[in-house]
Amino acid sequence: MVDPIHLKDQLSHTWPAFFARHGNFTPVQQQALPPILAGKNTLVIAATASGKTEAALAPLLERHLFGDDSVANPQPALRILYICPTRALVRDLYERLAPPLQTLGVTVMMKSGDTGPVSTTHPPTVLITTPESTDSLLTRAPRLLTTLRAFVLDEVHLFGTSASRPAPLRLRLCNGWRSRPRCPTRRVSSAAIWTRPTPRKQTKPRSWMCRVAGACRRISNPCLVWAIW
């Protein structure tokens, strides 16, 4: 059983920005926060509006910006890449996360097909973007990602809805960084699951999501898959 008070103490920087207004953690957050704080590659499966975004982002900020894994570097550097499947979700998430990140002094930017380029000399600390824009960065500005400490795949169950987009990005995310020991990137995947009344309308099974996220034995060994229904 997770002790909420101990968990709050571990989130001394991000608790006020992300959780204080609610006064407590949701059940999903109580289960997902500890493994992410511990540096595990984690897959979180839960209902919509259950607090998955905060459960993924807050511990990564705590660990890689304020905690033991933080890097003492006065220069601007991209630390967390947050990938959403659509431009609409990128914009919605940016508008939602910009205020709490501003209170923490963390710079954030959104990048999609209808926004400007990401500066390679003054990059944001957190970048919210699409799979297509991520693939473009991997091709055109790979040096921007050398400082990356973690990435999140949000709404991962939607990443397989297009035959043209998921495979190259998945392969590059899973394989491209694991050979760089100086950049121990952690992967957190967040997926919203809805209960449907008929089998035809059910979302993709957990085994499919595990393969998409590359959550089993691809980056670290052992690799924790955290599934919450």
C-alpha atoms as a PDB file:
ATOM      1  CA  MET A   1       0.000   0.000   0.000  1.00  0.00           C
ATOM      2  CA  VAL A   2       1.387   3.394  -1.012  1.00  0.00           C
ATOM      3  CA  ASP A   3       1.682   5.980   1.737  1.00  0.00           C
ATOM      4  CA  PRO A   4       0.312   9.251   0.258  1.00  0.00           C
ATOM      5  CA  ILE A   5       2.275  11.368   2.749  1.00  0.00           C
ATOM      6  CA  HIS A   6       5.558   9.688   1.819  1.00  0.00           C
ATOM      7  CA  LEU A   7       4.671  10.066  -1.870  1.00  0.00           C
ATOM      8  CA  LYS A   8       3.956  13.747  -1.353  1.00  0.00           C
ATOM      9  CA  ASP A   9       7.359  14.174   0.300  1.00  0.00           C
ATOM     10  CA  GLN A  10       9.004  12.622  -2.768  1.00  0.00           C
ATOM     11  CA  LEU A  11       7.251  15.206  -4.968  1.00  0.00           C
ATOM     12  CA  SER A  12       8.314  18.238  -2.971  1.00  0.00           C
ATOM     13  CA  HIS A  13       8.739  20.445  -6.073  1.00  0.00           C
ATOM     14  CA  THR A  14       5.857  19.268  -8.257  1.00  0.00           C
ATOM     15  CA  TRP A  15       3.173  18.646  -5.611  1.00  0.00           C
ATOM     16  CA  PRO A  16       2.143  22.339  -5.398  1.00  0.00           C
ATOM     17  CA  ALA A  17       1.935  22.732  -9.178  1.00  0.00           C
ATOM     18  CA  PHE A  18       0.148  19.504 -10.106  1.00  0.00           C
ATOM     19  CA  PHE A  19      -1.614  18.005  -7.081  1.00  0.00           C
ATOM     20  CA  ALA A  20      -2.119  20.540  -4.276  1.00  0.00           C
ATOM     21  CA  ARG A  21      -5.391  21.935  -5.637  1.00  0.00           C
ATOM     22  CA  HIS A  22      -6.905  18.434  -5.459  1.00  0.00           C
ATOM     23  CA  GLY A  23      -5.513  17.743  -2.011  1.00  0.00           C
ATOM     24  CA  ASN A  24      -4.668  14.105  -2.728  1.00  0.00           C
ATOM     25  CA  PHE A  25      -3.625  11.585  -5.373  1.00  0.00           C
ATOM     26  CA  THR A  26      -5.990   9.571  -7.556  1.00  0.00           C
ATOM     27  CA  PRO A  27      -5.766   5.749  -7.337  1.00  0.00           C
ATOM     28  CA  VAL A  28      -3.939   5.656 -10.664  1.00  0.00           C
ATOM     29  CA  GLN A  29      -1.408   8.212  -9.480  1.00  0.00           C
ATOM     30  CA  GLN A  30      -0.786   6.330  -6.227  1.00  0.00           C
ATOM     31  CA  GLN A  31       0.124   3.227  -8.223  1.00  0.00           C
ATOM     32  CA  ALA A  32       1.999   4.818 -11.137  1.00  0.00           C
ATOM     33  CA  LEU A  33       4.068   7.510  -9.390  1.00  0.00           C
ATOM     34  CA  PRO A  34       6.415   5.227  -7.372  1.00  0.00           C
ATOM     35  CA  PRO A  35       7.826   3.183 -10.300  1.00  0.00           C
ATOM     36  CA  ILE A  36       8.335   6.299 -12.426  1.00  0.00           C
ATOM     37  CA  LEU A  37      10.067   8.064  -9.537  1.00  0.00           C
ATOM     38  CA  ALA A  38      12.255   4.966  -9.238  1.00  0.00           C
ATOM     39  CA  GLY A  39      13.309   5.308 -12.886  1.00  0.00           C
ATOM     40  CA  LYS A  40      11.324   2.403 -14.313  1.00  0.00           C
ATOM     41  CA  ASN A  41      10.119   2.310 -17.909  1.00  0.00           C
ATOM     42  CA  THR A  42       6.388   2.289 -17.283  1.00  0.00           C
ATOM     43  CA  LEU A  43       3.150   1.638 -19.139  1.00  0.00           C
ATOM     44  CA  VAL A  44       0.089   3.195 -17.480  1.00  0.00           C
ATOM     45  CA  ILE A  45      -3.343   2.027 -18.594  1.00  0.00           C
ATOM     46  CA  ALA A  46      -6.343   3.731 -17.001  1.00  0.00           C
ATOM     47  CA  ALA A  47      -9.632   5.468 -17.698  1.00  0.00           C
ATOM     48  CA  THR A  48      -9.809   8.952 -19.115  1.00  0.00           C
ATOM     49  CA  ALA A  49      -9.646  11.872 -16.632  1.00  0.00           C
ATOM     50  CA  SER A  50      -7.896   9.684 -14.058  1.00  0.00           C
ATOM     51  CA  GLY A  51      -4.766  11.838 -13.737  1.00  0.00           C
ATOM     52  CA  LYS A  52      -2.397   9.881 -16.000  1.00  0.00           C
ATOM     53  CA  THR A  53      -0.729  12.981 -17.441  1.00  0.00           C
ATOM     54  CA  GLU A  54       0.280  14.243 -13.999  1.00  0.00           C
ATOM     55  CA  ALA A  55       1.252  10.701 -12.975  1.00  0.00           C
ATOM     56  CA  ALA A  56       3.692  10.557 -15.886  1.00  0.00           C
ATOM     57  CA  LEU A  57       5.070  14.094 -16.075  1.00  0.00           C
ATOM     58  CA  ALA A  58       5.408  15.138 -12.430  1.00  0.00           C
ATOM     59  CA  PRO A  59       7.778  12.323 -11.374  1.00  0.00           C
ATOM     60  CA  LEU A  60       9.885  12.783 -14.494  1.00  0.00           C
ATOM     61  CA  LEU A  61      10.291  16.474 -13.676  1.00  0.00           C
ATOM     62  CA  GLU A  62      11.056  15.625 -10.066  1.00  0.00           C
ATOM     63  CA  ARG A  63      13.659  13.035 -11.018  1.00  0.00           C
ATOM     64  CA  HIS A  64      15.380  14.632 -13.990  1.00  0.00           C
ATOM     65  CA  LEU A  65      15.091  18.356 -13.221  1.00  0.00           C
ATOM     66  CA  PHE A  66      15.091  18.556  -9.434  1.00  0.00           C
ATOM     67  CA  GLY A  67      16.277  15.180  -8.158  1.00  0.00           C
ATOM     68  CA  ASP A  68      19.339  12.942  -8.050  1.00  0.00           C
ATOM     69  CA  ASP A  69      19.265  12.361 -11.822  1.00  0.00           C
ATOM     70  CA  SER A  70      19.194  16.063 -12.649  1.00  0.00           C
ATOM     71  CA  VAL A  71      22.050  17.402 -14.749  1.00  0.00           C
ATOM     72  CA  ALA A  72      23.891  20.518 -13.618  1.00  0.00           C
ATOM     73  CA  ASN A  73      23.907  22.447 -16.869  1.00  0.00           C
ATOM     74  CA  PRO A  74      23.173  26.180 -17.033  1.00  0.00           C
ATOM     75  CA  GLN A  75      22.577  26.020 -20.784  1.00  0.00           C
ATOM     76  CA  PRO A  76      19.024  25.500 -22.118  1.00  0.00           C
ATOM     77  CA  ALA A  77      18.474  21.854 -23.014  1.00  0.00           C
ATOM     78  CA  LEU A  78      15.604  19.578 -23.986  1.00  0.00           C
ATOM     79  CA  ARG A  79      14.987  17.101 -21.150  1.00  0.00           C
ATOM     80  CA  ILE A  80      11.503  15.649 -21.657  1.00  0.00           C
ATOM     81  CA  LEU A  81       9.763  14.837 -24.938  1.00  0.00           C
ATOM     82  CA  TYR A  82       5.988  14.419 -24.694  1.00  0.00           C
ATOM     83  CA  ILE A  83       4.490  12.832 -27.818  1.00  0.00           C
ATOM     84  CA  CYS A  84       0.755  13.017 -28.584  1.00  0.00           C
ATOM     85  CA  PRO A  85      -0.872  11.292 -31.569  1.00  0.00           C
ATOM     86  CA  THR A  86      -2.639  14.395 -32.979  1.00  0.00           C
ATOM     87  CA  ARG A  87      -2.054  18.125 -33.308  1.00  0.00           C
ATOM     88  CA  ALA A  88      -5.293  18.850 -31.450  1.00  0.00           C
ATOM     89  CA  LEU A  89      -4.090  16.861 -28.445  1.00  0.00           C
ATOM     90  CA  VAL A  90      -0.728  18.637 -28.582  1.00  0.00           C
ATOM     91  CA  ARG A  91      -2.430  22.027 -28.365  1.00  0.00           C
ATOM     92  CA  ASP A  92      -4.865  20.943 -25.641  1.00  0.00           C
ATOM     93  CA  LEU A  93      -2.071  19.461 -23.535  1.00  0.00           C
ATOM     94  CA  TYR A  94       0.134  22.515 -24.007  1.00  0.00           C
ATOM     95  CA  GLU A  95      -2.613  24.853 -22.826  1.00  0.00           C
ATOM     96  CA  ARG A  96      -3.210  22.602 -19.829  1.00  0.00           C
ATOM     97  CA  LEU A  97       0.432  22.145 -18.800  1.00  0.00           C
ATOM     98  CA  ALA A  98       1.846  25.595 -19.543  1.00  0.00           C
ATOM     99  CA  PRO A  99       0.538  27.239 -16.315  1.00  0.00           C
ATOM    100  CA  PRO A 100       1.881  24.648 -13.812  1.00  0.00           C
ATOM    101  CA  LEU A 101       5.181  24.374 -15.669  1.00  0.00           C
ATOM    102  CA  GLN A 102       5.521  28.155 -15.615  1.00  0.00           C
ATOM    103  CA  THR A 103       5.130  28.147 -11.834  1.00  0.00           C
ATOM    104  CA  LEU A 104       8.020  25.653 -11.685  1.00  0.00           C
ATOM    105  CA  GLY A 105      10.199  27.801 -13.958  1.00  0.00           C
ATOM    106  CA  VAL A 106      10.215  25.067 -16.599  1.00  0.00           C
ATOM    107  CA  THR A 107      10.065  26.164 -20.235  1.00  0.00           C
ATOM    108  CA  VAL A 108       7.640  24.322 -22.506  1.00  0.00           C
ATOM    109  CA  MET A 109       6.898  24.497 -26.226  1.00  0.00           C
ATOM    110  CA  MET A 110       4.563  22.731 -28.606  1.00  0.00           C
ATOM    111  CA  LYS A 111       5.687  21.529 -32.034  1.00  0.00           C
ATOM    112  CA  SER A 112       3.490  20.276 -34.850  1.00  0.00           C
ATOM    113  CA  GLY A 113       2.992  20.865 -38.542  1.00  0.00           C
ATOM    114  CA  ASP A 114       1.412  24.278 -37.977  1.00  0.00           C
ATOM    115  CA  THR A 115       3.961  25.731 -35.538  1.00  0.00           C
ATOM    116  CA  GLY A 116       7.441  27.148 -35.963  1.00  0.00           C
ATOM    117  CA  PRO A 117      10.752  25.276 -35.655  1.00  0.00           C
ATOM    118  CA  VAL A 118      12.381  24.354 -32.355  1.00  0.00           C
ATOM    119  CA  SER A 119      15.478  26.395 -31.580  1.00  0.00           C
ATOM    120  CA  THR A 120      18.594  24.257 -31.323  1.00  0.00           C
ATOM    121  CA  THR A 121      20.417  26.947 -29.330  1.00  0.00           C
ATOM    122  CA  HIS A 122      17.618  27.780 -26.872  1.00  0.00           C
ATOM    123  CA  PRO A 123      15.377  24.705 -26.771  1.00  0.00           C
ATOM    124  CA  PRO A 124      12.568  24.267 -24.240  1.00  0.00           C
ATOM    125  CA  THR A 125      12.982  21.936 -21.290  1.00  0.00           C
ATOM    126  CA  VAL A 126       9.738  20.146 -22.202  1.00  0.00           C
ATOM    127  CA  LEU A 127       8.582  19.712 -25.796  1.00  0.00           C
ATOM    128  CA  ILE A 128       5.048  18.544 -26.599  1.00  0.00           C
ATOM    129  CA  THR A 129       4.840  17.279 -30.153  1.00  0.00           C
ATOM    130  CA  THR A 130       3.422  14.776 -32.639  1.00  0.00           C
ATOM    131  CA  PRO A 131       4.948  11.551 -34.005  1.00  0.00           C
ATOM    132  CA  GLU A 132       5.542  13.201 -37.371  1.00  0.00           C
ATOM    133  CA  SER A 133       7.350  16.174 -35.849  1.00  0.00           C
ATOM    134  CA  THR A 134       9.370  13.831 -33.640  1.00  0.00           C
ATOM    135  CA  ASP A 135      10.474  11.880 -36.678  1.00  0.00           C
ATOM    136  CA  SER A 136      11.441  15.158 -38.344  1.00  0.00           C
ATOM    137  CA  LEU A 137      13.555  16.139 -35.319  1.00  0.00           C
ATOM    138  CA  LEU A 138      15.254  12.742 -35.305  1.00  0.00           C
ATOM    139  CA  THR A 139      16.178  13.295 -38.960  1.00  0.00           C
ATOM    140  CA  ARG A 140      16.935  17.014 -39.152  1.00  0.00           C
ATOM    141  CA  ALA A 141      18.044  17.982 -35.637  1.00  0.00           C
ATOM    142  CA  PRO A 142      19.285  14.845 -33.853  1.00  0.00           C
ATOM    143  CA  ARG A 143      21.704  16.855 -31.702  1.00  0.00           C
ATOM    144  CA  LEU A 144      18.691  18.488 -30.055  1.00  0.00           C
ATOM    145  CA  LEU A 145      17.797  15.114 -28.563  1.00  0.00           C
ATOM    146  CA  THR A 146      21.215  14.251 -27.147  1.00  0.00           C
ATOM    147  CA  THR A 147      20.277  15.937 -23.849  1.00  0.00           C
ATOM    148  CA  LEU A 148      16.966  14.083 -23.592  1.00  0.00           C
ATOM    149  CA  ARG A 149      16.330  12.312 -20.285  1.00  0.00           C
ATOM    150  CA  ALA A 150      12.808  10.942 -20.750  1.00  0.00           C
ATOM    151  CA  PHE A 151       9.916  10.720 -23.152  1.00  0.00           C
ATOM    152  CA  VAL A 152       6.200  10.063 -22.860  1.00  0.00           C
ATOM    153  CA  LEU A 153       3.910   8.458 -25.422  1.00  0.00           C
ATOM    154  CA  ASP A 154       0.464   9.817 -24.605  1.00  0.00           C
ATOM    155  CA  GLU A 155      -2.748   8.068 -25.723  1.00  0.00           C
ATOM    156  CA  VAL A 156      -0.608   5.226 -27.023  1.00  0.00           C
ATOM    157  CA  HIS A 157      -3.649   3.215 -28.124  1.00  0.00           C
ATOM    158  CA  LEU A 158      -4.123   5.779 -30.922  1.00  0.00           C
ATOM    159  CA  PHE A 159      -0.598   5.417 -32.315  1.00  0.00           C
ATOM    160  CA  GLY A 160      -1.520   2.377 -34.401  1.00  0.00           C
ATOM    161  CA  THR A 161      -4.457   3.934 -36.210  1.00  0.00           C
ATOM    162  CA  SER A 162      -2.355   4.968 -39.222  1.00  0.00           C
ATOM    163  CA  ALA A 163      -0.345   2.505 -41.250  1.00  0.00           C
ATOM    164  CA  SER A 164       2.051   5.193 -42.428  1.00  0.00           C
ATOM    165  CA  ARG A 165       3.172   6.641 -39.111  1.00  0.00           C
ATOM    166  CA  PRO A 166       3.777   4.270 -36.192  1.00  0.00           C
ATOM    167  CA  ALA A 167       6.413   1.744 -37.208  1.00  0.00           C
ATOM    168  CA  PRO A 168       9.371   4.024 -38.107  1.00  0.00           C
ATOM    169  CA  LEU A 169       8.876   6.175 -35.004  1.00  0.00           C
ATOM    170  CA  ARG A 170       8.491   3.178 -32.698  1.00  0.00           C
ATOM    171  CA  LEU A 171      11.615   1.540 -34.025  1.00  0.00           C
ATOM    172  CA  ARG A 172      13.683   4.705 -33.713  1.00  0.00           C
ATOM    173  CA  LEU A 173      12.422   5.516 -30.232  1.00  0.00           C
ATOM    174  CA  CYS A 174      13.002   1.983 -28.971  1.00  0.00           C
ATOM    175  CA  ASN A 175      16.346   1.369 -30.665  1.00  0.00           C
ATOM    176  CA  GLY A 176      17.842   4.765 -31.438  1.00  0.00           C
ATOM    177  CA  TRP A 177      18.622   5.842 -27.864  1.00  0.00           C
ATOM    178  CA  ARG A 178      19.326   2.579 -26.057  1.00  0.00           C
ATOM    179  CA  SER A 179      22.817   2.469 -27.571  1.00  0.00           C
ATOM    180  CA  ARG A 180      23.698   5.825 -25.934  1.00  0.00           C
ATOM    181  CA  PRO A 181      24.846   5.040 -22.382  1.00  0.00           C
ATOM    182  CA  ARG A 182      25.430   8.727 -21.625  1.00  0.00           C
ATOM    183  CA  CYS A 183      21.782   9.498 -22.212  1.00  0.00           C
ATOM    184  CA  PRO A 184      19.762   7.050 -20.063  1.00  0.00           C
ATOM    185  CA  THR A 185      16.382   7.899 -21.539  1.00  0.00           C
ATOM    186  CA  ARG A 186      13.336   6.570 -19.713  1.00  0.00           C
ATOM    187  CA  ARG A 187      10.089   5.796 -21.467  1.00  0.00           C
ATOM    188  CA  VAL A 188       6.658   6.320 -19.935  1.00  0.00           C
ATOM    189  CA  SER A 189       3.589   5.466 -21.961  1.00  0.00           C
ATOM    190  CA  SER A 190       0.161   6.774 -21.083  1.00  0.00           C
ATOM    191  CA  ALA A 191      -3.012   5.356 -22.576  1.00  0.00           C
ATOM    192  CA  ALA A 192      -6.674   6.163 -22.006  1.00  0.00           C
ATOM    193  CA  ILE A 193      -9.003   3.145 -22.088  1.00  0.00           C
ATOM    194  CA  TRP A 194     -12.769   3.295 -22.440  1.00  0.00           C
ATOM    195  CA  THR A 195     -15.167   0.478 -21.624  1.00  0.00           C
ATOM    196  CA  ARG A 196     -17.302  -0.243 -24.641  1.00  0.00           C
ATOM    197  CA  PRO A 197     -20.597  -2.176 -24.610  1.00  0.00           C
ATOM    198  CA  THR A 198     -19.812  -4.309 -27.666  1.00  0.00           C
ATOM    199  CA  PRO A 199     -16.638  -6.177 -28.729  1.00  0.00           C
ATOM    200  CA  ARG A 200     -16.594  -4.339 -32.059  1.00  0.00           C
ATOM    201  CA  LYS A 201     -16.035  -1.028 -30.296  1.00  0.00           C
ATOM    202  CA  GLN A 202     -13.493  -2.184 -27.748  1.00  0.00           C
ATOM    203  CA  THR A 203     -10.081  -0.561 -27.731  1.00  0.00           C
ATOM    204  CA  LYS A 204      -6.915  -2.470 -28.528  1.00  0.00           C
ATOM    205  CA  PRO A 205      -5.767  -5.038 -25.944  1.00  0.00           C
ATOM    206  CA  ARG A 206      -2.987  -4.451 -23.447  1.00  0.00           C
ATOM    207  CA  SER A 207      -0.647  -6.836 -25.296  1.00  0.00           C
ATOM    208  CA  TRP A 208      -0.860  -4.602 -28.383  1.00  0.00           C
ATOM    209  CA  MET A 209      -0.030  -1.518 -26.309  1.00  0.00           C
ATOM    210  CA  CYS A 210       2.945  -3.258 -24.750  1.00  0.00           C
ATOM    211  CA  ARG A 211       4.319  -3.980 -28.218  1.00  0.00           C
ATOM    212  CA  VAL A 212       3.717  -0.402 -29.398  1.00  0.00           C
ATOM    213  CA  ALA A 213       5.469   1.095 -26.399  1.00  0.00           C
ATOM    214  CA  GLY A 214       8.278  -1.469 -26.573  1.00  0.00           C
ATOM    215  CA  ALA A 215       7.764  -1.887 -22.874  1.00  0.00           C
ATOM    216  CA  CYS A 216       9.170  -5.390 -22.496  1.00  0.00           C
ATOM    217  CA  ARG A 217      12.945  -5.866 -22.337  1.00  0.00           C
ATOM    218  CA  ARG A 218      13.764  -3.252 -24.980  1.00  0.00           C
ATOM    219  CA  ILE A 219      15.569  -0.520 -23.040  1.00  0.00           C
ATOM    220  CA  SER A 220      16.336  -1.819 -19.559  1.00  0.00           C
ATOM    221  CA  ASN A 221      16.376  -5.237 -17.953  1.00  0.00           C
ATOM    222  CA  PRO A 222      14.267  -5.824 -16.033  1.00  0.00           C
ATOM    223  CA  CYS A 223      11.636  -3.485 -17.476  1.00  0.00           C
ATOM    224  CA  LEU A 224       8.518  -2.795 -15.454  1.00  0.00           C
ATOM    225  CA  VAL A 225       5.175  -2.745 -17.274  1.00  0.00           C
ATOM    226  CA  TRP A 226       2.653  -1.035 -15.036  1.00  0.00           C
ATOM    227  CA  ALA A 227      -0.885  -1.817 -16.182  1.00  0.00           C
ATOM    228  CA  ILE A 228      -3.894  -0.284 -14.396  1.00  0.00           C
ATOM    229  CA  TRP A 229      -7.483  -0.980 -15.363  1.00  0.00           C
END
